[in-house]
Structure formats: structure tokens, C-alpha cells
């Protein structure tokens, strides 16, 4: 696996992720209070304890929340600065979500949480990763993901760096999640579209 710094020059995803390193502490402070209700809702949707993968965990904000709810949590992120900070909350590895199925055994998790971690991927890359997430979840496992649904796809110059964002039509994103092997439980959207889903029980489906 190439490090993010080695890939950033030619890869929009790695370049976008690398931009977080210079102001990692400021980013952590800015986003510390966000998504608390959603994280609690997700944690409460699973029996305690359950195994959760925080896919694209950043500096570990939601890892800490899920641990506090009594779950067994793993983190993965491409940014090494974030990985070092997240590892203080729960075991965290550096890895590319586009290769996430190679990082863990199939059926390893009861839940996968992907909070704004797919925003820098292209639509095609995201669709592929959704399929990998489905493979990593146990039947009836819970899944959450949110992506941008406002603005324009392309490069965006932000105060803390320049990053690529893919903007989704909410129905298209929810459809892509369903096509990956999930039953859609709820869809909420504003600037981001949030999809709550359950991994279909393929054993039941195949038997029928």
C-alpha cells in the first residue's frame, strides 16, 4: 500500500486526504461536536457490544463515541496524521477505502460507519467501495454513509486546503447503496445525503 504522500501528486483522492495533515488539530476541533446525534442513533441500532468499522475515521471523533456506547470498534483512514490521533481512541490502521476489503476478513463487522469518508471518491470508486462494505458486513449488519448532495463536483479551495468533492443526487446515491446489497432504512438530506441501511441477509434471499 502506497502512503498517501507518495500518491498525492497524481491521485485526487490522496491529494484531498493529504490536505488535512497541515491543520489536523484545527480540523479536529472544528468538527468535534458534529454528528453526535447520528452517531448515537447508529450505536443504538446495534446490540451491545457489536463490532463496528469506522471507515474513514479521521482523527477518531466517532471511534470515541462508539467505544463509550460499549462497542468494539476499529478505525481505518488514509491520512497518517489522523491515524495516529485516532489510534488513541481505538485500534486504527492506515489504509485506502478503495482497497478496504483487502484489509479485513469478509463478514467481520456488525456495523460500518462511513461519515463523509466517501466524499473525495468518484462515483465509480464509491460504487465499488459500497460493494466492499457489503462484503465486510455480516447479514443484517447496519450501515451508514453520507456524501455531498449540494454544490458542484470538482476541486474546491477551502481555508485548510484544496480538495476534490463528488456531489451526488440523493436518489442515485441511495440506489447505489441498495444495489450494493442493502435494504434502505431511511434517507435524510440537506447539504449531505445520509443513508441508513441494513445488509440484506443473502442466506435468506438465496434460499428463497
C-alpha atoms as a PDB file:
ATOM      1  CA  UNK A   1       0.000   0.000   0.000  1.00  0.00           C
ATOM      2  CA  UNK A   2       1.498   3.303  -1.048  1.00  0.00           C
ATOM      3  CA  UNK A   3       1.453   6.066   1.534  1.00  0.00           C
ATOM      4  CA  UNK A   4      -0.844   8.995   0.940  1.00  0.00           C
ATOM      5  CA  UNK A   5       2.098  11.382   0.476  1.00  0.00           C
ATOM      6  CA  UNK A   6       3.538   9.202  -2.275  1.00  0.00           C
ATOM      7  CA  UNK A   7       0.268   9.110  -4.221  1.00  0.00           C
ATOM      8  CA  UNK A   8      -0.978  12.633  -3.711  1.00  0.00           C
ATOM      9  CA  UNK A   9       0.596  14.101  -6.823  1.00  0.00           C
ATOM     10  CA  UNK A  10      -1.398  12.012  -9.294  1.00  0.00           C
ATOM     11  CA  UNK A  11      -4.418  10.872  -7.303  1.00  0.00           C
ATOM     12  CA  UNK A  12      -7.218  13.350  -6.462  1.00  0.00           C
ATOM     13  CA  UNK A  13      -8.335  11.208  -3.507  1.00  0.00           C
ATOM     14  CA  UNK A  14      -4.881  11.015  -1.954  1.00  0.00           C
ATOM     15  CA  UNK A  15      -4.250  14.695  -2.678  1.00  0.00           C
ATOM     16  CA  UNK A  16      -7.515  15.636  -0.980  1.00  0.00           C
ATOM     17  CA  UNK A  17      -6.817  13.451   2.053  1.00  0.00           C
ATOM     18  CA  UNK A  18      -3.259  14.757   2.387  1.00  0.00           C
ATOM     19  CA  UNK A  19      -4.594  18.317   2.633  1.00  0.00           C
ATOM     20  CA  UNK A  20      -5.943  17.567   6.102  1.00  0.00           C
ATOM     21  CA  UNK A  21      -2.500  16.994   7.621  1.00  0.00           C
ATOM     22  CA  UNK A  22      -1.289  20.580   7.908  1.00  0.00           C
ATOM     23  CA  UNK A  23      -4.180  21.681  10.132  1.00  0.00           C
ATOM     24  CA  UNK A  24      -5.214  18.384  11.671  1.00  0.00           C
ATOM     25  CA  UNK A  25      -5.700  19.770  15.187  1.00  0.00           C
ATOM     26  CA  UNK A  26      -7.817  22.682  13.935  1.00  0.00           C
ATOM     27  CA  UNK A  27      -9.907  20.287  11.828  1.00  0.00           C
ATOM     28  CA  UNK A  28     -10.469  18.061  14.843  1.00  0.00           C
ATOM     29  CA  UNK A  29     -11.583  20.996  16.984  1.00  0.00           C
ATOM     30  CA  UNK A  30     -13.884  22.401  14.293  1.00  0.00           C
ATOM     31  CA  UNK A  31     -15.714  19.119  13.751  1.00  0.00           C
ATOM     32  CA  UNK A  32     -15.621  17.739  17.317  1.00  0.00           C
ATOM     33  CA  UNK A  33     -19.272  18.379  18.137  1.00  0.00           C
ATOM     34  CA  UNK A  34     -20.754  17.384  14.794  1.00  0.00           C
ATOM     35  CA  UNK A  35     -22.729  14.197  14.068  1.00  0.00           C
ATOM     36  CA  UNK A  36     -23.198  13.347  17.742  1.00  0.00           C
ATOM     37  CA  UNK A  37     -26.912  12.575  17.368  1.00  0.00           C
ATOM     38  CA  UNK A  38     -26.321  10.478  14.251  1.00  0.00           C
ATOM     39  CA  UNK A  39     -23.514   8.531  15.917  1.00  0.00           C
ATOM     40  CA  UNK A  40     -25.710   7.833  18.944  1.00  0.00           C
ATOM     41  CA  UNK A  41     -28.536   6.708  16.646  1.00  0.00           C
ATOM     42  CA  UNK A  42     -26.199   4.342  14.825  1.00  0.00           C
ATOM     43  CA  UNK A  43     -24.693   2.974  18.039  1.00  0.00           C
ATOM     44  CA  UNK A  44     -28.174   2.389  19.401  1.00  0.00           C
ATOM     45  CA  UNK A  45     -29.255   0.470  16.301  1.00  0.00           C
ATOM     46  CA  UNK A  46     -26.860  -2.346  17.194  1.00  0.00           C
ATOM     47  CA  UNK A  47     -26.844  -4.726  20.171  1.00  0.00           C
ATOM     48  CA  UNK A  48     -24.105  -4.067  22.701  1.00  0.00           C
ATOM     49  CA  UNK A  49     -21.375  -4.979  22.167  1.00  0.00           C
ATOM     50  CA  UNK A  50     -21.147  -5.064  18.376  1.00  0.00           C
ATOM     51  CA  UNK A  51     -18.130  -4.803  16.103  1.00  0.00           C
ATOM     52  CA  UNK A  52     -18.086  -1.532  14.172  1.00  0.00           C
ATOM     53  CA  UNK A  53     -15.742  -0.350  11.446  1.00  0.00           C
ATOM     54  CA  UNK A  54     -15.384   3.424  11.273  1.00  0.00           C
ATOM     55  CA  UNK A  55     -14.405   3.645   7.619  1.00  0.00           C
ATOM     56  CA  UNK A  56     -12.545   6.876   7.079  1.00  0.00           C
ATOM     57  CA  UNK A  57     -12.421   7.653  10.775  1.00  0.00           C
ATOM     58  CA  UNK A  58     -10.411  10.873  10.594  1.00  0.00           C
ATOM     59  CA  UNK A  59      -8.873  11.787  13.969  1.00  0.00           C
ATOM     60  CA  UNK A  60     -11.197   9.427  15.824  1.00  0.00           C
ATOM     61  CA  UNK A  61     -14.148  11.510  16.980  1.00  0.00           C
ATOM     62  CA  UNK A  62     -16.720   8.784  16.355  1.00  0.00           C
ATOM     63  CA  UNK A  63     -14.437   5.963  17.460  1.00  0.00           C
ATOM     64  CA  UNK A  64     -14.504   7.519  20.912  1.00  0.00           C
ATOM     65  CA  UNK A  65     -18.301   7.788  20.788  1.00  0.00           C
ATOM     66  CA  UNK A  66     -18.836   4.182  19.775  1.00  0.00           C
ATOM     67  CA  UNK A  67     -16.450   2.933  22.461  1.00  0.00           C
ATOM     68  CA  UNK A  68     -18.424   4.959  25.015  1.00  0.00           C
ATOM     69  CA  UNK A  69     -21.556   3.114  23.865  1.00  0.00           C
ATOM     70  CA  UNK A  70     -19.858  -0.200  24.648  1.00  0.00           C
ATOM     71  CA  UNK A  71     -18.994  -1.342  21.124  1.00  0.00           C
ATOM     72  CA  UNK A  72     -15.802  -2.949  19.809  1.00  0.00           C
ATOM     73  CA  UNK A  73     -14.533  -0.507  17.225  1.00  0.00           C
ATOM     74  CA  UNK A  74     -11.869  -0.453  14.540  1.00  0.00           C
ATOM     75  CA  UNK A  75     -10.802   2.560  12.528  1.00  0.00           C
ATOM     76  CA  UNK A  76      -9.221   2.933   9.117  1.00  0.00           C
ATOM     77  CA  UNK A  77      -8.091   6.129   7.404  1.00  0.00           C
ATOM     78  CA  UNK A  78      -5.719   7.060   4.608  1.00  0.00           C
ATOM     79  CA  UNK A  79      -4.250  10.088   6.370  1.00  0.00           C
ATOM     80  CA  UNK A  80      -1.346   9.065   8.666  1.00  0.00           C
ATOM     81  CA  UNK A  81      -1.731  12.126  10.904  1.00  0.00           C
ATOM     82  CA  UNK A  82      -5.363  11.237  11.543  1.00  0.00           C
ATOM     83  CA  UNK A  83      -4.478   7.575  12.089  1.00  0.00           C
ATOM     84  CA  UNK A  84      -2.005   8.484  14.828  1.00  0.00           C
ATOM     85  CA  UNK A  85      -4.632  10.570  16.620  1.00  0.00           C
ATOM     86  CA  UNK A  86      -7.463   8.075  16.125  1.00  0.00           C
ATOM     87  CA  UNK A  87      -5.406   5.192  17.467  1.00  0.00           C
ATOM     88  CA  UNK A  88      -5.607   6.792  20.915  1.00  0.00           C
ATOM     89  CA  UNK A  89      -9.355   6.034  20.906  1.00  0.00           C
ATOM     90  CA  UNK A  90      -9.454   2.585  19.269  1.00  0.00           C
ATOM     91  CA  UNK A  91      -7.195   0.382  17.105  1.00  0.00           C
ATOM     92  CA  UNK A  92      -6.764   2.203  13.807  1.00  0.00           C
ATOM     93  CA  UNK A  93      -4.893   1.273  10.658  1.00  0.00           C
ATOM     94  CA  UNK A  94      -3.760   3.307   7.690  1.00  0.00           C
ATOM     95  CA  UNK A  95      -5.440   2.158   4.506  1.00  0.00           C
ATOM     96  CA  UNK A  96      -7.270   3.219   1.386  1.00  0.00           C
ATOM     97  CA  UNK A  97     -11.034   2.641   1.421  1.00  0.00           C
ATOM     98  CA  UNK A  98     -10.786   1.763  -2.263  1.00  0.00           C
ATOM     99  CA  UNK A  99      -8.991  -1.374  -1.086  1.00  0.00           C
ATOM    100  CA  UNK A 100     -10.861  -1.851   2.190  1.00  0.00           C
ATOM    101  CA  UNK A 101     -11.966  -5.440   1.527  1.00  0.00           C
ATOM    102  CA  UNK A 102      -8.317  -6.475   1.484  1.00  0.00           C
ATOM    103  CA  UNK A 103      -7.793  -5.015   4.955  1.00  0.00           C
ATOM    104  CA  UNK A 104     -10.294  -7.198   6.831  1.00  0.00           C
ATOM    105  CA  UNK A 105     -11.893 -10.619   6.508  1.00  0.00           C
ATOM    106  CA  UNK A 106     -15.319 -10.905   4.897  1.00  0.00           C
ATOM    107  CA  UNK A 107     -18.180 -10.698   7.397  1.00  0.00           C
ATOM    108  CA  UNK A 108     -16.008  -9.116  10.084  1.00  0.00           C
ATOM    109  CA  UNK A 109     -18.384  -6.400  11.234  1.00  0.00           C
ATOM    110  CA  UNK A 110     -21.867  -5.859  12.612  1.00  0.00           C
ATOM    111  CA  UNK A 111     -21.829  -2.220  11.534  1.00  0.00           C
ATOM    112  CA  UNK A 112     -19.953   0.065   9.171  1.00  0.00           C
ATOM    113  CA  UNK A 113     -19.985   3.812   9.666  1.00  0.00           C
ATOM    114  CA  UNK A 114     -18.790   5.953   6.731  1.00  0.00           C
ATOM    115  CA  UNK A 115     -19.387   9.548   7.774  1.00  0.00           C
ATOM    116  CA  UNK A 116     -18.308  11.887   4.953  1.00  0.00           C
ATOM    117  CA  UNK A 117     -15.486   9.496   4.121  1.00  0.00           C
ATOM    118  CA  UNK A 118     -16.572   8.835   0.519  1.00  0.00           C
ATOM    119  CA  UNK A 119     -16.811  12.491  -0.488  1.00  0.00           C
ATOM    120  CA  UNK A 120     -13.464  12.583  -2.314  1.00  0.00           C
ATOM    121  CA  UNK A 121     -14.060   9.402  -4.349  1.00  0.00           C
ATOM    122  CA  UNK A 122     -15.504   9.380  -7.844  1.00  0.00           C
ATOM    123  CA  UNK A 123     -18.950   7.868  -8.343  1.00  0.00           C
ATOM    124  CA  UNK A 124     -17.432   4.713  -9.829  1.00  0.00           C
ATOM    125  CA  UNK A 125     -14.984   4.361  -6.942  1.00  0.00           C
ATOM    126  CA  UNK A 126     -17.778   4.874  -4.428  1.00  0.00           C
ATOM    127  CA  UNK A 127     -19.961   2.208  -6.030  1.00  0.00           C
ATOM    128  CA  UNK A 128     -17.058  -0.245  -5.830  1.00  0.00           C
ATOM    129  CA  UNK A 129     -16.386   0.608  -2.172  1.00  0.00           C
ATOM    130  CA  UNK A 130     -20.057   0.151  -1.281  1.00  0.00           C
ATOM    131  CA  UNK A 131     -19.808  -3.401  -2.601  1.00  0.00           C
ATOM    132  CA  UNK A 132     -16.705  -3.969  -0.500  1.00  0.00           C
ATOM    133  CA  UNK A 133     -18.518  -2.676   2.574  1.00  0.00           C
ATOM    134  CA  UNK A 134     -21.340  -5.128   1.929  1.00  0.00           C
ATOM    135  CA  UNK A 135     -18.822  -7.974   1.823  1.00  0.00           C
ATOM    136  CA  UNK A 136     -17.331  -6.911   5.163  1.00  0.00           C
ATOM    137  CA  UNK A 137     -20.705  -6.771   6.938  1.00  0.00           C
ATOM    138  CA  UNK A 138     -22.491  -9.720   8.441  1.00  0.00           C
ATOM    139  CA  UNK A 139     -26.068 -10.356   7.247  1.00  0.00           C
ATOM    140  CA  UNK A 140     -28.435  -7.779   8.781  1.00  0.00           C
ATOM    141  CA  UNK A 141     -25.477  -5.621   9.744  1.00  0.00           C
ATOM    142  CA  UNK A 142     -26.073  -1.880   9.895  1.00  0.00           C
ATOM    143  CA  UNK A 143     -24.584   0.681   7.534  1.00  0.00           C
ATOM    144  CA  UNK A 144     -24.449   4.463   7.490  1.00  0.00           C
ATOM    145  CA  UNK A 145     -22.925   6.737   4.876  1.00  0.00           C
ATOM    146  CA  UNK A 146     -23.242  10.389   3.989  1.00  0.00           C
ATOM    147  CA  UNK A 147     -21.995  12.217   0.902  1.00  0.00           C
ATOM    148  CA  UNK A 148     -22.403  15.708  -0.508  1.00  0.00           C
ATOM    149  CA  UNK A 149     -25.569  16.440  -2.452  1.00  0.00           C
ATOM    150  CA  UNK A 150     -25.202  20.218  -2.843  1.00  0.00           C
ATOM    151  CA  UNK A 151     -22.708  22.197  -4.871  1.00  0.00           C
ATOM    152  CA  UNK A 152     -20.745  21.036  -7.883  1.00  0.00           C
ATOM    153  CA  UNK A 153     -18.419  18.105  -8.450  1.00  0.00           C
ATOM    154  CA  UNK A 154     -14.807  19.210  -8.765  1.00  0.00           C
ATOM    155  CA  UNK A 155     -11.957  20.861  -6.909  1.00  0.00           C
ATOM    156  CA  UNK A 156     -12.812  23.148  -4.020  1.00  0.00           C
ATOM    157  CA  UNK A 157     -10.381  25.576  -2.378  1.00  0.00           C
ATOM    158  CA  UNK A 158     -11.121  25.585   1.344  1.00  0.00           C
ATOM    159  CA  UNK A 159      -9.413  27.533   4.161  1.00  0.00           C
ATOM    160  CA  UNK A 160      -7.465  24.428   5.173  1.00  0.00           C
ATOM    161  CA  UNK A 161      -6.649  23.027   1.740  1.00  0.00           C
ATOM    162  CA  UNK A 162      -7.717  22.156  -1.786  1.00  0.00           C
ATOM    163  CA  UNK A 163      -9.832  19.036  -2.201  1.00  0.00           C
ATOM    164  CA  UNK A 164     -11.873  17.176  -4.774  1.00  0.00           C
ATOM    165  CA  UNK A 165     -15.536  16.522  -3.965  1.00  0.00           C
ATOM    166  CA  UNK A 166     -18.079  14.393  -5.777  1.00  0.00           C
ATOM    167  CA  UNK A 167     -21.642  15.692  -5.441  1.00  0.00           C
ATOM    168  CA  UNK A 168     -24.403  13.083  -5.630  1.00  0.00           C
ATOM    169  CA  UNK A 169     -28.073  13.127  -6.473  1.00  0.00           C
ATOM    170  CA  UNK A 170     -29.675  11.782  -3.255  1.00  0.00           C
ATOM    171  CA  UNK A 171     -31.811   9.181  -5.013  1.00  0.00           C
ATOM    172  CA  UNK A 172     -28.873   7.977  -7.076  1.00  0.00           C
ATOM    173  CA  UNK A 173     -26.699   7.527  -4.007  1.00  0.00           C
ATOM    174  CA  UNK A 174     -29.430   5.675  -2.124  1.00  0.00           C
ATOM    175  CA  UNK A 175     -29.940   3.497  -5.200  1.00  0.00           C
ATOM    176  CA  UNK A 176     -26.237   2.706  -5.334  1.00  0.00           C
ATOM    177  CA  UNK A 177     -26.315   1.631  -1.694  1.00  0.00           C
ATOM    178  CA  UNK A 178     -29.316  -0.603  -2.394  1.00  0.00           C
ATOM    179  CA  UNK A 179     -27.639  -2.094  -5.455  1.00  0.00           C
ATOM    180  CA  UNK A 180     -24.591  -2.989  -3.344  1.00  0.00           C
ATOM    181  CA  UNK A 181     -26.672  -5.375  -1.245  1.00  0.00           C
ATOM    182  CA  UNK A 182     -28.518  -3.243   1.275  1.00  0.00           C
ATOM    183  CA  UNK A 183     -32.087  -2.565   2.285  1.00  0.00           C
ATOM    184  CA  UNK A 184     -32.588   1.179   2.721  1.00  0.00           C
ATOM    185  CA  UNK A 185     -33.971   2.045   6.152  1.00  0.00           C
ATOM    186  CA  UNK A 186     -34.003   5.844   5.887  1.00  0.00           C
ATOM    187  CA  UNK A 187     -32.686   8.672   3.734  1.00  0.00           C
ATOM    188  CA  UNK A 188     -32.172  12.193   5.085  1.00  0.00           C
ATOM    189  CA  UNK A 189     -30.692  15.025   3.088  1.00  0.00           C
ATOM    190  CA  UNK A 190     -29.770  18.674   3.183  1.00  0.00           C
ATOM    191  CA  UNK A 191     -26.226  19.637   2.147  1.00  0.00           C
ATOM    192  CA  UNK A 192     -25.355  15.969   2.680  1.00  0.00           C
ATOM    193  CA  UNK A 193     -27.469  12.934   1.930  1.00  0.00           C
ATOM    194  CA  UNK A 194     -27.461  10.447   4.817  1.00  0.00           C
ATOM    195  CA  UNK A 195     -28.357   6.850   4.049  1.00  0.00           C
ATOM    196  CA  UNK A 196     -29.201   4.372   6.799  1.00  0.00           C
ATOM    197  CA  UNK A 197     -29.278   0.772   5.607  1.00  0.00           C
ATOM    198  CA  UNK A 198     -29.225  -2.885   6.595  1.00  0.00           C
ATOM    199  CA  UNK A 199     -27.140  -5.552   4.891  1.00  0.00           C
ATOM    200  CA  UNK A 200     -29.510  -7.946   3.201  1.00  0.00           C
ATOM    201  CA  UNK A 201     -29.425 -11.492   4.522  1.00  0.00           C
ATOM    202  CA  UNK A 202     -28.143 -13.228   1.401  1.00  0.00           C
ATOM    203  CA  UNK A 203     -28.645 -16.624   3.005  1.00  0.00           C
ATOM    204  CA  UNK A 204     -32.383 -16.000   3.258  1.00  0.00           C
ATOM    205  CA  UNK A 205     -32.508 -14.461  -0.203  1.00  0.00           C
ATOM    206  CA  UNK A 206     -30.617 -17.357  -1.797  1.00  0.00           C
ATOM    207  CA  UNK A 207     -32.816 -19.872  -0.028  1.00  0.00           C
ATOM    208  CA  UNK A 208     -35.908 -18.177  -1.412  1.00  0.00           C
END
